[in-house]
Amino acid sequence: MKVKLGDVIQLNPSEKLPKGERARKIAMDNVDTYAREISGFDFDEYKGGTKFRNEDTLLARITPCLENGKTAYVNILEKDEVAFGSTEYFVLRANKELINPLYLYYLSVSSDFRTVAIKSMTGTSGRQRVQKEAILNYEFDLPSLKEQERIVSRIGCLDDKKALNDRINDNLDLLLTTIFENKINNKNFTKA
């Protein structure tokens, strides 16, 4: 069935987070390029910015972040926790009766969606932003929820494997650094 994205999501949904309250902050630097997983966070005093929950998709709306693939799926928060981040995010929240939240994430990183979003950018050079209307009016074929879940389970397995491989590589980097530092600090060099 052909739908507009605005018919199946909330864009920048309203959330309560009082100014001055300490909360989890996900900065643009914590959203890697072409990676589903959020790479980190800080706790900071909320002064402003977009607010979101688990199962929301964060979409960078400014150049060059969008072109570089900065889009992430929020899955690191506690139950009912509200976090915040850059004002340069669009927050996409799925209407779960119509679209699977992970399907929405994968749709938002698709080349067709990204092409439409990038073409809608306006503003001065270096500070261009995606237009809200382009996101809401984006048309696509929406499969049934059952089909969405089948697609997400297949693609999700690959993303899960990528995330695991990334953690393994991070651990190997740490191990190599630790071994190197031990050798340097102990000065146990063997002569060749």
N, C-alpha and C. Protein backbone atom coordinates (compact mmCIF):
# COMPACT_ATOMS: atom_id res chain seq x y z
N MET A 1 0.84 -1.17 0.00
CA MET A 1 0.00 0.00 0.00
C MET A 1 0.89 1.24 0.00
N LYS A 2 0.62 2.19 -0.87
CA LYS A 2 1.39 3.43 -0.98
C LYS A 2 0.93 4.40 0.11
N VAL A 3 1.89 4.92 0.91
CA VAL A 3 1.58 5.86 1.98
C VAL A 3 2.59 7.00 2.00
N LYS A 4 2.23 8.06 2.69
CA LYS A 4 3.17 9.13 2.99
C LYS A 4 3.73 8.87 4.37
N LEU A 5 5.02 9.15 4.54
CA LEU A 5 5.65 8.88 5.83
C LEU A 5 4.93 9.60 6.96
N GLY A 6 4.47 10.81 6.72
CA GLY A 6 3.75 11.57 7.74
C GLY A 6 2.48 10.91 8.22
N ASP A 7 1.95 9.94 7.46
CA ASP A 7 0.74 9.23 7.86
C ASP A 7 1.03 8.07 8.82
N VAL A 8 2.30 7.69 8.96
CA VAL A 8 2.63 6.52 9.78
C VAL A 8 3.64 6.83 10.89
N ILE A 9 4.06 8.10 11.00
CA ILE A 9 5.02 8.47 12.04
C ILE A 9 4.60 9.78 12.70
N GLN A 10 5.27 10.06 13.82
CA GLN A 10 5.27 11.38 14.42
C GLN A 10 6.67 11.94 14.16
N LEU A 11 6.74 13.18 13.72
CA LEU A 11 8.03 13.84 13.51
C LEU A 11 8.25 14.78 14.69
N ASN A 12 9.38 14.60 15.36
CA ASN A 12 9.72 15.38 16.55
C ASN A 12 8.58 15.38 17.58
N PRO A 13 8.22 14.18 18.07
CA PRO A 13 7.12 14.10 19.04
C PRO A 13 7.44 14.87 20.32
N SER A 14 6.42 15.34 20.96
CA SER A 14 6.57 16.10 22.19
C SER A 14 6.92 15.17 23.35
N GLU A 15 7.90 15.56 24.14
CA GLU A 15 8.30 14.82 25.33
C GLU A 15 8.56 15.80 26.45
N LYS A 16 8.36 15.37 27.68
CA LYS A 16 8.62 16.22 28.83
C LYS A 16 10.02 15.93 29.38
N LEU A 17 10.81 16.98 29.49
CA LEU A 17 12.12 16.92 30.12
C LEU A 17 12.39 18.33 30.62
N PRO A 18 12.24 18.54 31.93
CA PRO A 18 12.38 19.89 32.47
C PRO A 18 13.80 20.45 32.29
N LYS A 19 13.86 21.74 31.98
CA LYS A 19 15.16 22.40 31.86
C LYS A 19 15.88 22.28 33.20
N GLY A 20 17.17 22.00 33.11
CA GLY A 20 17.99 21.85 34.30
C GLY A 20 18.10 20.43 34.80
N GLU A 21 17.22 19.54 34.34
CA GLU A 21 17.27 18.14 34.77
C GLU A 21 18.44 17.44 34.07
N ARG A 22 19.14 16.58 34.82
CA ARG A 22 20.22 15.80 34.22
C ARG A 22 19.60 14.61 33.49
N ALA A 23 20.08 14.41 32.28
CA ALA A 23 19.54 13.33 31.46
C ALA A 23 20.63 12.85 30.51
N ARG A 24 20.36 11.73 29.90
CA ARG A 24 21.28 11.18 28.91
C ARG A 24 21.27 12.08 27.67
N LYS A 25 22.46 12.45 27.21
CA LYS A 25 22.61 13.30 26.03
C LYS A 25 23.34 12.51 24.95
N ILE A 26 22.72 12.47 23.78
CA ILE A 26 23.33 11.79 22.63
C ILE A 26 23.68 12.87 21.62
N ALA A 27 24.95 13.22 21.59
CA ALA A 27 25.44 14.27 20.69
C ALA A 27 25.59 13.71 19.28
N MET A 28 25.73 14.60 18.30
CA MET A 28 25.94 14.18 16.92
C MET A 28 27.18 13.30 16.79
N ASP A 29 28.19 13.57 17.62
CA ASP A 29 29.41 12.75 17.59
C ASP A 29 29.16 11.31 18.03
N ASN A 30 28.05 11.06 18.73
CA ASN A 30 27.70 9.71 19.18
C ASN A 30 26.92 8.92 18.15
N VAL A 31 26.64 9.54 17.02
CA VAL A 31 25.95 8.86 15.92
C VAL A 31 26.98 8.66 14.81
N ASP A 32 27.34 7.39 14.62
CA ASP A 32 28.34 7.06 13.60
C ASP A 32 27.70 7.04 12.22
N THR A 33 28.53 7.06 11.21
CA THR A 33 28.02 7.02 9.84
C THR A 33 27.62 5.60 9.49
N TYR A 34 26.44 5.47 8.92
CA TYR A 34 25.89 4.19 8.46
C TYR A 34 25.98 3.10 9.52
N ALA A 35 25.59 3.45 10.76
CA ALA A 35 25.59 2.48 11.85
C ALA A 35 24.29 2.63 12.64
N ARG A 36 23.62 1.54 12.87
CA ARG A 36 22.36 1.55 13.61
C ARG A 36 22.58 1.92 15.07
N GLU A 37 23.66 1.41 15.64
CA GLU A 37 23.92 1.57 17.07
C GLU A 37 24.47 2.95 17.41
N ILE A 38 24.05 3.47 18.55
CA ILE A 38 24.58 4.72 19.09
C ILE A 38 25.89 4.39 19.80
N SER A 39 26.94 5.16 19.51
CA SER A 39 28.27 4.79 19.99
C SER A 39 28.60 5.30 21.39
N GLY A 40 27.78 6.14 21.96
CA GLY A 40 28.07 6.63 23.30
C GLY A 40 27.08 7.70 23.72
N PHE A 41 27.28 8.21 24.92
CA PHE A 41 26.41 9.26 25.46
C PHE A 41 27.10 9.87 26.67
N ASP A 42 26.58 10.99 27.10
CA ASP A 42 27.00 11.65 28.34
C ASP A 42 25.74 11.94 29.14
N PHE A 43 25.91 12.22 30.42
CA PHE A 43 24.81 12.76 31.20
C PHE A 43 25.08 14.25 31.33
N ASP A 44 24.06 15.03 31.06
CA ASP A 44 24.23 16.48 31.06
C ASP A 44 22.93 17.13 31.50
N GLU A 45 23.04 18.40 31.86
CA GLU A 45 21.86 19.18 32.23
C GLU A 45 21.11 19.56 30.96
N TYR A 46 19.82 19.30 30.94
CA TYR A 46 19.03 19.62 29.76
C TYR A 46 18.80 21.13 29.69
N LYS A 47 19.25 21.73 28.58
CA LYS A 47 19.05 23.16 28.35
C LYS A 47 18.24 23.39 27.08
N GLY A 48 18.11 22.35 26.26
CA GLY A 48 17.37 22.43 25.02
C GLY A 48 17.82 21.33 24.08
N GLY A 49 17.11 21.19 23.00
CA GLY A 49 17.44 20.16 22.01
C GLY A 49 16.28 19.22 21.80
N THR A 50 16.45 18.30 20.86
CA THR A 50 15.40 17.33 20.59
C THR A 50 15.36 16.30 21.70
N LYS A 51 14.16 15.76 21.95
CA LYS A 51 13.96 14.76 23.00
C LYS A 51 13.41 13.50 22.35
N PHE A 52 13.79 12.36 22.90
CA PHE A 52 13.41 11.10 22.28
C PHE A 52 13.44 9.96 23.28
N ARG A 53 12.92 8.81 22.83
CA ARG A 53 12.82 7.59 23.64
C ARG A 53 13.38 6.41 22.84
N ASN A 54 13.46 5.27 23.51
CA ASN A 54 13.81 4.04 22.81
C ASN A 54 12.83 3.82 21.66
N GLU A 55 13.33 3.23 20.60
CA GLU A 55 12.61 2.88 19.38
C GLU A 55 12.38 4.07 18.45
N ASP A 56 12.90 5.25 18.81
CA ASP A 56 12.87 6.38 17.89
C ASP A 56 14.08 6.30 16.97
N THR A 57 13.97 6.92 15.81
CA THR A 57 15.08 7.03 14.87
C THR A 57 15.56 8.48 14.89
N LEU A 58 16.88 8.66 15.05
CA LEU A 58 17.49 9.98 14.98
C LEU A 58 18.06 10.17 13.59
N LEU A 59 17.62 11.20 12.91
CA LEU A 59 18.05 11.48 11.55
C LEU A 59 18.72 12.85 11.53
N ALA A 60 20.01 12.89 11.22
CA ALA A 60 20.69 14.18 11.09
C ALA A 60 20.04 14.94 9.95
N ARG A 61 19.73 16.21 10.18
CA ARG A 61 19.04 16.98 9.15
C ARG A 61 19.90 18.08 8.55
N ILE A 62 21.17 18.15 8.95
CA ILE A 62 22.06 19.21 8.49
C ILE A 62 23.18 18.62 7.62
N THR A 63 23.65 19.45 6.69
CA THR A 63 24.79 19.04 5.87
C THR A 63 26.07 19.22 6.68
N PRO A 64 27.06 18.41 6.60
CA PRO A 64 27.20 17.21 5.79
C PRO A 64 26.78 15.94 6.53
N CYS A 65 26.25 16.08 7.75
CA CYS A 65 25.94 14.90 8.56
C CYS A 65 24.97 13.94 7.88
N LEU A 66 23.92 14.48 7.26
CA LEU A 66 22.96 13.60 6.58
C LEU A 66 23.63 12.89 5.42
N GLU A 67 24.36 13.63 4.59
CA GLU A 67 25.01 13.00 3.43
C GLU A 67 26.00 11.92 3.88
N ASN A 68 26.59 12.10 5.05
CA ASN A 68 27.56 11.12 5.57
C ASN A 68 26.91 9.94 6.28
N GLY A 69 25.57 9.92 6.32
CA GLY A 69 24.88 8.74 6.85
C GLY A 69 24.64 8.73 8.34
N LYS A 70 24.61 9.88 8.97
CA LYS A 70 24.38 9.91 10.43
C LYS A 70 22.89 9.74 10.73
N THR A 71 22.53 8.50 11.01
CA THR A 71 21.17 8.11 11.37
C THR A 71 21.31 6.97 12.37
N ALA A 72 20.54 6.98 13.45
CA ALA A 72 20.69 5.94 14.46
C ALA A 72 19.34 5.53 15.01
N TYR A 73 19.30 4.32 15.53
CA TYR A 73 18.11 3.76 16.18
C TYR A 73 18.35 3.81 17.68
N VAL A 74 17.45 4.43 18.41
CA VAL A 74 17.62 4.58 19.86
C VAL A 74 17.19 3.29 20.56
N ASN A 75 18.15 2.64 21.22
CA ASN A 75 17.84 1.41 21.95
C ASN A 75 18.71 1.25 23.19
N ILE A 76 19.25 2.36 23.70
CA ILE A 76 20.17 2.29 24.84
C ILE A 76 19.59 2.89 26.13
N LEU A 77 18.34 3.29 26.10
CA LEU A 77 17.75 3.97 27.25
C LEU A 77 17.04 2.98 28.17
N GLU A 78 16.80 3.42 29.39
CA GLU A 78 16.01 2.63 30.33
C GLU A 78 14.53 2.77 29.95
N LYS A 79 13.72 1.88 30.50
CA LYS A 79 12.27 1.94 30.23
C LYS A 79 11.73 3.32 30.64
N ASP A 80 10.96 3.94 29.76
CA ASP A 80 10.32 5.25 29.97
C ASP A 80 11.30 6.41 30.11
N GLU A 81 12.58 6.17 29.85
CA GLU A 81 13.57 7.25 29.93
C GLU A 81 13.46 8.16 28.71
N VAL A 82 13.59 9.45 28.95
CA VAL A 82 13.64 10.45 27.88
C VAL A 82 15.06 10.99 27.84
N ALA A 83 15.64 10.99 26.66
CA ALA A 83 16.99 11.53 26.46
C ALA A 83 16.89 12.72 25.53
N PHE A 84 18.02 13.39 25.32
CA PHE A 84 18.01 14.53 24.42
C PHE A 84 19.29 14.58 23.61
N GLY A 85 19.24 15.41 22.57
CA GLY A 85 20.41 15.55 21.71
C GLY A 85 20.31 16.81 20.89
N SER A 86 21.06 16.83 19.85
CA SER A 86 21.21 17.99 18.99
C SER A 86 19.88 18.49 18.43
N THR A 87 19.79 19.80 18.27
CA THR A 87 18.63 20.37 17.58
C THR A 87 18.70 20.05 16.10
N GLU A 88 19.81 19.50 15.64
CA GLU A 88 19.98 19.15 14.23
C GLU A 88 19.53 17.72 13.93
N TYR A 89 18.81 17.11 14.87
CA TYR A 89 18.17 15.81 14.61
C TYR A 89 16.71 16.03 14.26
N PHE A 90 16.21 15.20 13.35
CA PHE A 90 14.79 14.96 13.25
C PHE A 90 14.58 13.67 14.04
N VAL A 91 13.55 13.63 14.86
CA VAL A 91 13.19 12.41 15.58
C VAL A 91 11.99 11.81 14.86
N LEU A 92 12.14 10.57 14.41
CA LEU A 92 11.07 9.85 13.73
C LEU A 92 10.54 8.79 14.69
N ARG A 93 9.26 8.88 15.03
CA ARG A 93 8.64 7.89 15.93
C ARG A 93 7.55 7.15 15.17
N ALA A 94 7.67 5.84 15.15
CA ALA A 94 6.73 4.99 14.43
C ALA A 94 5.38 4.91 15.12
N ASN A 95 4.31 4.95 14.33
CA ASN A 95 2.98 4.56 14.81
C ASN A 95 3.01 3.04 14.71
N LYS A 96 3.20 2.37 15.83
CA LYS A 96 3.46 0.93 15.85
C LYS A 96 2.31 0.08 15.30
N GLU A 97 1.13 0.67 15.17
CA GLU A 97 0.02 -0.06 14.57
C GLU A 97 0.16 -0.13 13.05
N LEU A 98 1.05 0.72 12.50
CA LEU A 98 1.22 0.80 11.04
C LEU A 98 2.62 0.47 10.55
N ILE A 99 3.63 0.84 11.34
CA ILE A 99 5.00 0.64 10.89
C ILE A 99 5.88 0.19 12.06
N ASN A 100 6.66 -0.84 11.82
CA ASN A 100 7.60 -1.36 12.81
C ASN A 100 8.71 -0.32 13.02
N PRO A 101 9.07 0.00 14.28
CA PRO A 101 10.11 1.01 14.52
C PRO A 101 11.44 0.71 13.82
N LEU A 102 11.86 -0.55 13.80
CA LEU A 102 13.11 -0.88 13.10
C LEU A 102 12.95 -0.79 11.59
N TYR A 103 11.78 -1.11 11.09
CA TYR A 103 11.53 -0.95 9.66
C TYR A 103 11.65 0.52 9.30
N LEU A 104 11.13 1.39 10.16
CA LEU A 104 11.25 2.83 9.95
C LEU A 104 12.71 3.24 9.90
N TYR A 105 13.52 2.72 10.82
CA TYR A 105 14.96 3.02 10.80
C TYR A 105 15.57 2.61 9.46
N TYR A 106 15.32 1.37 9.04
CA TYR A 106 15.91 0.89 7.79
C TYR A 106 15.40 1.68 6.58
N LEU A 107 14.15 2.09 6.62
CA LEU A 107 13.62 2.94 5.56
C LEU A 107 14.39 4.26 5.52
N SER A 108 14.69 4.82 6.69
CA SER A 108 15.35 6.13 6.77
C SER A 108 16.81 6.09 6.30
N VAL A 109 17.40 4.92 6.23
CA VAL A 109 18.78 4.83 5.71
C VAL A 109 18.80 4.33 4.27
N SER A 110 17.63 4.10 3.69
CA SER A 110 17.58 3.62 2.31
C SER A 110 18.03 4.74 1.36
N SER A 111 18.61 4.35 0.24
CA SER A 111 19.11 5.35 -0.71
C SER A 111 17.98 6.20 -1.28
N ASP A 112 16.81 5.62 -1.52
CA ASP A 112 15.69 6.39 -2.06
C ASP A 112 15.27 7.49 -1.08
N PHE A 113 15.08 7.14 0.17
CA PHE A 113 14.69 8.12 1.18
C PHE A 113 15.76 9.21 1.32
N ARG A 114 17.01 8.79 1.40
CA ARG A 114 18.10 9.74 1.59
C ARG A 114 18.23 10.70 0.41
N THR A 115 18.01 10.19 -0.80
CA THR A 115 18.07 11.04 -1.99
C THR A 115 17.01 12.13 -1.92
N VAL A 116 15.79 11.75 -1.55
CA VAL A 116 14.70 12.73 -1.43
C VAL A 116 15.05 13.75 -0.35
N ALA A 117 15.53 13.29 0.79
CA ALA A 117 15.86 14.21 1.90
C ALA A 117 16.98 15.18 1.49
N ILE A 118 18.02 14.66 0.86
CA ILE A 118 19.15 15.50 0.46
C ILE A 118 18.73 16.53 -0.58
N LYS A 119 17.90 16.13 -1.52
CA LYS A 119 17.44 17.07 -2.56
C LYS A 119 16.58 18.18 -1.98
N SER A 120 15.98 17.96 -0.81
CA SER A 120 15.11 18.98 -0.21
C SER A 120 15.88 20.02 0.60
N MET A 121 17.17 19.82 0.77
CA MET A 121 17.94 20.71 1.64
C MET A 121 17.95 22.14 1.11
N THR A 122 17.78 23.07 2.04
CA THR A 122 17.86 24.49 1.70
C THR A 122 18.69 25.19 2.76
N GLY A 123 19.14 26.39 2.42
CA GLY A 123 19.93 27.18 3.35
C GLY A 123 21.24 27.56 2.71
N THR A 124 22.06 28.25 3.47
CA THR A 124 23.35 28.70 2.96
C THR A 124 24.31 27.53 2.86
N SER A 125 25.29 27.66 2.02
CA SER A 125 26.29 26.62 1.83
C SER A 125 26.93 26.25 3.16
N GLY A 126 27.01 24.97 3.44
CA GLY A 126 27.59 24.49 4.68
C GLY A 126 26.61 24.44 5.84
N ARG A 127 25.45 25.04 5.70
CA ARG A 127 24.45 25.04 6.77
C ARG A 127 23.07 24.66 6.22
N GLN A 128 23.04 23.82 5.22
CA GLN A 128 21.77 23.42 4.64
C GLN A 128 21.09 22.37 5.50
N ARG A 129 19.76 22.41 5.51
CA ARG A 129 18.97 21.48 6.33
C ARG A 129 17.86 20.85 5.50
N VAL A 130 17.54 19.62 5.86
CA VAL A 130 16.42 18.91 5.24
C VAL A 130 15.12 19.60 5.63
N GLN A 131 14.21 19.69 4.70
CA GLN A 131 12.93 20.31 4.96
C GLN A 131 11.95 19.28 5.54
N LYS A 132 11.27 19.70 6.59
CA LYS A 132 10.30 18.86 7.30
C LYS A 132 9.25 18.29 6.34
N GLU A 133 8.78 19.10 5.41
CA GLU A 133 7.73 18.67 4.49
C GLU A 133 8.20 17.52 3.59
N ALA A 134 9.48 17.52 3.23
CA ALA A 134 10.02 16.45 2.40
C ALA A 134 9.97 15.12 3.13
N ILE A 135 10.22 15.15 4.43
CA ILE A 135 10.15 13.93 5.25
C ILE A 135 8.69 13.46 5.35
N LEU A 136 7.83 14.37 5.73
CA LEU A 136 6.42 14.01 5.94
C LEU A 136 5.72 13.58 4.65
N ASN A 137 6.12 14.16 3.51
CA ASN A 137 5.47 13.85 2.24
C ASN A 137 6.16 12.72 1.46
N TYR A 138 7.20 12.14 2.03
CA TYR A 138 7.90 11.05 1.35
C TYR A 138 6.93 9.89 1.15
N GLU A 139 6.76 9.45 -0.11
CA GLU A 139 5.85 8.34 -0.42
C GLU A 139 6.63 7.05 -0.65
N PHE A 140 6.07 5.97 -0.14
CA PHE A 140 6.71 4.66 -0.29
C PHE A 140 5.65 3.57 -0.17
N ASP A 141 6.02 2.38 -0.62
CA ASP A 141 5.15 1.21 -0.48
C ASP A 141 5.36 0.61 0.90
N LEU A 142 4.31 0.54 1.68
CA LEU A 142 4.38 -0.01 3.04
C LEU A 142 3.81 -1.41 3.06
N PRO A 143 4.65 -2.40 3.31
CA PRO A 143 4.14 -3.77 3.42
C PRO A 143 3.37 -3.97 4.73
N SER A 144 2.74 -5.10 4.86
CA SER A 144 2.00 -5.42 6.09
C SER A 144 2.99 -5.49 7.26
N LEU A 145 2.47 -5.36 8.48
CA LEU A 145 3.34 -5.45 9.66
C LEU A 145 4.07 -6.79 9.71
N LYS A 146 3.37 -7.85 9.32
CA LYS A 146 4.00 -9.18 9.33
C LYS A 146 5.19 -9.21 8.37
N GLU A 147 5.02 -8.64 7.18
CA GLU A 147 6.10 -8.60 6.20
C GLU A 147 7.23 -7.68 6.69
N GLN A 148 6.87 -6.57 7.32
CA GLN A 148 7.89 -5.67 7.87
C GLN A 148 8.75 -6.41 8.89
N GLU A 149 8.10 -7.17 9.77
CA GLU A 149 8.83 -7.92 10.80
C GLU A 149 9.75 -8.96 10.18
N ARG A 150 9.30 -9.61 9.11
CA ARG A 150 10.16 -10.59 8.42
C ARG A 150 11.39 -9.90 7.84
N ILE A 151 11.19 -8.76 7.20
CA ILE A 151 12.30 -8.00 6.61
C ILE A 151 13.27 -7.53 7.69
N VAL A 152 12.72 -6.98 8.77
CA VAL A 152 13.55 -6.46 9.86
C VAL A 152 14.36 -7.58 10.51
N SER A 153 13.77 -8.76 10.66
CA SER A 153 14.51 -9.85 11.30
C SER A 153 15.71 -10.27 10.45
N ARG A 154 15.56 -10.26 9.15
CA ARG A 154 16.67 -10.63 8.27
C ARG A 154 17.76 -9.56 8.26
N ILE A 155 17.35 -8.32 8.07
CA ILE A 155 18.34 -7.23 8.04
C ILE A 155 18.95 -7.03 9.42
N GLY A 156 18.12 -7.14 10.45
CA GLY A 156 18.59 -6.95 11.82
C GLY A 156 19.68 -7.92 12.21
N CYS A 157 19.62 -9.15 11.73
CA CYS A 157 20.68 -10.13 12.02
C CYS A 157 22.02 -9.65 11.50
N LEU A 158 22.01 -9.06 10.32
CA LEU A 158 23.25 -8.54 9.75
C LEU A 158 23.77 -7.35 10.56
N ASP A 159 22.87 -6.47 10.97
CA ASP A 159 23.27 -5.34 11.80
C ASP A 159 23.78 -5.81 13.16
N ASP A 160 23.14 -6.83 13.74
CA ASP A 160 23.60 -7.38 15.01
C ASP A 160 25.02 -7.94 14.87
N LYS A 161 25.27 -8.63 13.77
CA LYS A 161 26.61 -9.19 13.52
C LYS A 161 27.64 -8.07 13.36
N LYS A 162 27.26 -7.02 12.64
CA LYS A 162 28.16 -5.87 12.46
C LYS A 162 28.49 -5.25 13.81
N ALA A 163 27.48 -5.06 14.67
CA ALA A 163 27.70 -4.46 15.99
C ALA A 163 28.62 -5.35 16.83
N LEU A 164 28.42 -6.67 16.77
CA LEU A 164 29.29 -7.60 17.49
C LEU A 164 30.72 -7.51 16.97
N ASN A 165 30.89 -7.50 15.66
CA ASN A 165 32.23 -7.38 15.08
C ASN A 165 32.90 -6.08 15.49
N ASP A 166 32.13 -4.99 15.54
CA ASP A 166 32.68 -3.71 15.99
C ASP A 166 33.17 -3.79 17.43
N ARG A 167 32.39 -4.45 18.31
CA ARG A 167 32.81 -4.61 19.71
C ARG A 167 34.06 -5.48 19.80
N ILE A 168 34.14 -6.53 18.99
CA ILE A 168 35.32 -7.39 18.99
C ILE A 168 36.54 -6.58 18.55
N ASN A 169 36.39 -5.79 17.49
CA ASN A 169 37.52 -4.97 17.02
C ASN A 169 37.94 -3.95 18.06
N ASP A 170 36.97 -3.34 18.75
CA ASP A 170 37.31 -2.39 19.82
C ASP A 170 38.09 -3.09 20.93
N ASN A 171 37.67 -4.31 21.28
CA ASN A 171 38.39 -5.07 22.31
C ASN A 171 39.79 -5.45 21.86
N LEU A 172 39.94 -5.80 20.59
CA LEU A 172 41.28 -6.12 20.07
C LEU A 172 42.18 -4.89 20.10
N ASP A 173 41.64 -3.73 19.73
CA ASP A 173 42.42 -2.48 19.81
C ASP A 173 42.88 -2.22 21.23
N LEU A 174 41.98 -2.40 22.20
CA LEU A 174 42.32 -2.20 23.61
C LEU A 174 43.39 -3.20 24.06
N LEU A 175 43.24 -4.45 23.65
CA LEU A 175 44.21 -5.48 24.01
C LEU A 175 45.59 -5.15 23.44
N LEU A 176 45.64 -4.77 22.17
CA LEU A 176 46.92 -4.40 21.55
C LEU A 176 47.57 -3.23 22.27
N THR A 177 46.79 -2.21 22.59
CA THR A 177 47.32 -1.05 23.30
C THR A 177 47.83 -1.43 24.68
N THR A 178 47.09 -2.27 25.38
CA THR A 178 47.48 -2.71 26.72
C THR A 178 48.79 -3.49 26.66
N ILE A 179 48.90 -4.42 25.73
CA ILE A 179 50.12 -5.22 25.59
C ILE A 179 51.30 -4.30 25.26
N PHE A 180 51.10 -3.39 24.34
CA PHE A 180 52.16 -2.47 23.94
C PHE A 180 52.61 -1.62 25.14
N GLU A 181 51.65 -1.06 25.88
CA GLU A 181 52.00 -0.24 27.04
C GLU A 181 52.72 -1.05 28.10
N ASN A 182 52.32 -2.31 28.32
CA ASN A 182 53.02 -3.17 29.28
C ASN A 182 54.47 -3.40 28.86
N LYS A 183 54.67 -3.63 27.58
CA LYS A 183 56.03 -3.85 27.08
C LYS A 183 56.88 -2.60 27.25
N ILE A 184 56.31 -1.45 26.96
CA ILE A 184 57.05 -0.19 27.08
C ILE A 184 57.36 0.10 28.55
N ASN A 185 56.37 -0.04 29.42
CA ASN A 185 56.55 0.27 30.84
C ASN A 185 57.49 -0.70 31.53
N ASN A 186 57.49 -1.96 31.13
CA ASN A 186 58.37 -2.96 31.74
C ASN A 186 59.75 -2.98 31.11
N LYS A 187 59.86 -2.32 29.99
CA LYS A 187 61.13 -2.25 29.24
C LYS A 187 61.73 -3.63 29.02
N ASN A 188 60.88 -4.60 28.80
CA ASN A 188 61.33 -5.97 28.52
C ASN A 188 61.51 -6.16 27.02
N PHE A 189 62.41 -5.42 26.46
CA PHE A 189 62.68 -5.54 25.04
C PHE A 189 63.68 -6.65 24.84
N THR A 190 63.43 -7.49 23.89
CA THR A 190 64.41 -8.51 23.54
C THR A 190 65.15 -8.04 22.32
N LYS A 191 66.43 -8.27 22.32
CA LYS A 191 67.23 -7.85 21.18
C LYS A 191 67.12 -8.89 20.08
N ALA A 192 66.98 -8.39 18.87
CA ALA A 192 66.85 -9.29 17.74
C ALA A 192 68.20 -9.71 17.25
